[in-house]
Amino acid sequence: MWMSRLYPTYEPNTFLVSNGLSTIAFALPGALAAERR
């Protein structure tokens, strides 16, 4: 959770975070979304 507050981002919608609740279920969709950017 602290990573989402301290990680520097310079453009909107460029930091994808799973919110710490479902890390394993977030891995594949998160990787696909990051690849599309």
C-alpha atoms as a PDB file:
ATOM      1  CA  MET A   1       0.000   0.000   0.000  1.00  0.00           C
ATOM      2  CA  TRP A   2       2.806   2.454   0.814  1.00  0.00           C
ATOM      3  CA  MET A   3       4.261   1.921  -2.650  1.00  0.00           C
ATOM      4  CA  SER A   4       1.195   3.457  -4.271  1.00  0.00           C
ATOM      5  CA  ARG A   5       1.668   6.604  -2.186  1.00  0.00           C
ATOM      6  CA  LEU A   6       5.424   7.029  -2.693  1.00  0.00           C
ATOM      7  CA  TYR A   7       5.976   5.883  -6.286  1.00  0.00           C
ATOM      8  CA  PRO A   8       6.500   8.903  -8.582  1.00  0.00           C
ATOM      9  CA  THR A   9       4.152   9.062 -11.556  1.00  0.00           C
ATOM     10  CA  TYR A  10       4.231  11.789 -14.162  1.00  0.00           C
ATOM     11  CA  GLU A  11       1.166  11.000 -16.277  1.00  0.00           C
ATOM     12  CA  PRO A  12      -2.348   9.922 -15.295  1.00  0.00           C
ATOM     13  CA  ASN A  13      -3.213   6.201 -15.402  1.00  0.00           C
ATOM     14  CA  THR A  14       0.417   5.028 -15.609  1.00  0.00           C
ATOM     15  CA  PHE A  15       0.678   3.233 -12.232  1.00  0.00           C
ATOM     16  CA  LEU A  16      -1.387   0.067 -11.847  1.00  0.00           C
ATOM     17  CA  VAL A  17      -1.750  -1.241  -8.298  1.00  0.00           C
ATOM     18  CA  SER A  18      -3.721  -4.239  -7.021  1.00  0.00           C
ATOM     19  CA  ASN A  19      -4.539  -2.505  -3.717  1.00  0.00           C
ATOM     20  CA  GLY A  20      -3.026  -5.428  -1.788  1.00  0.00           C
ATOM     21  CA  LEU A  21      -6.225  -7.458  -1.769  1.00  0.00           C
ATOM     22  CA  SER A  22      -5.859  -9.844  -4.694  1.00  0.00           C
ATOM     23  CA  THR A  23      -2.271  -9.851  -5.874  1.00  0.00           C
ATOM     24  CA  ILE A  24      -2.357 -13.203  -7.687  1.00  0.00           C
ATOM     25  CA  ALA A  25      -5.637 -12.448  -9.441  1.00  0.00           C
ATOM     26  CA  PHE A  26      -4.249  -9.074 -10.536  1.00  0.00           C
ATOM     27  CA  ALA A  27      -0.989 -10.337 -12.067  1.00  0.00           C
ATOM     28  CA  LEU A  28      -2.226 -11.458 -15.490  1.00  0.00           C
ATOM     29  CA  PRO A  29      -4.715  -8.619 -16.159  1.00  0.00           C
ATOM     30  CA  GLY A  30      -2.178  -6.105 -14.850  1.00  0.00           C
ATOM     31  CA  ALA A  31       0.532  -7.439 -17.153  1.00  0.00           C
ATOM     32  CA  LEU A  32      -1.810  -7.324 -20.132  1.00  0.00           C
ATOM     33  CA  ALA A  33      -2.841  -3.745 -19.342  1.00  0.00           C
ATOM     34  CA  ALA A  34       0.793  -2.688 -18.926  1.00  0.00           C
ATOM     35  CA  GLU A  35       1.671  -4.281 -22.260  1.00  0.00           C
ATOM     36  CA  ARG A  36      -1.071  -2.302 -24.021  1.00  0.00           C
ATOM     37  CA  ARG A  37       0.387   1.037 -22.850  1.00  0.00           C
END
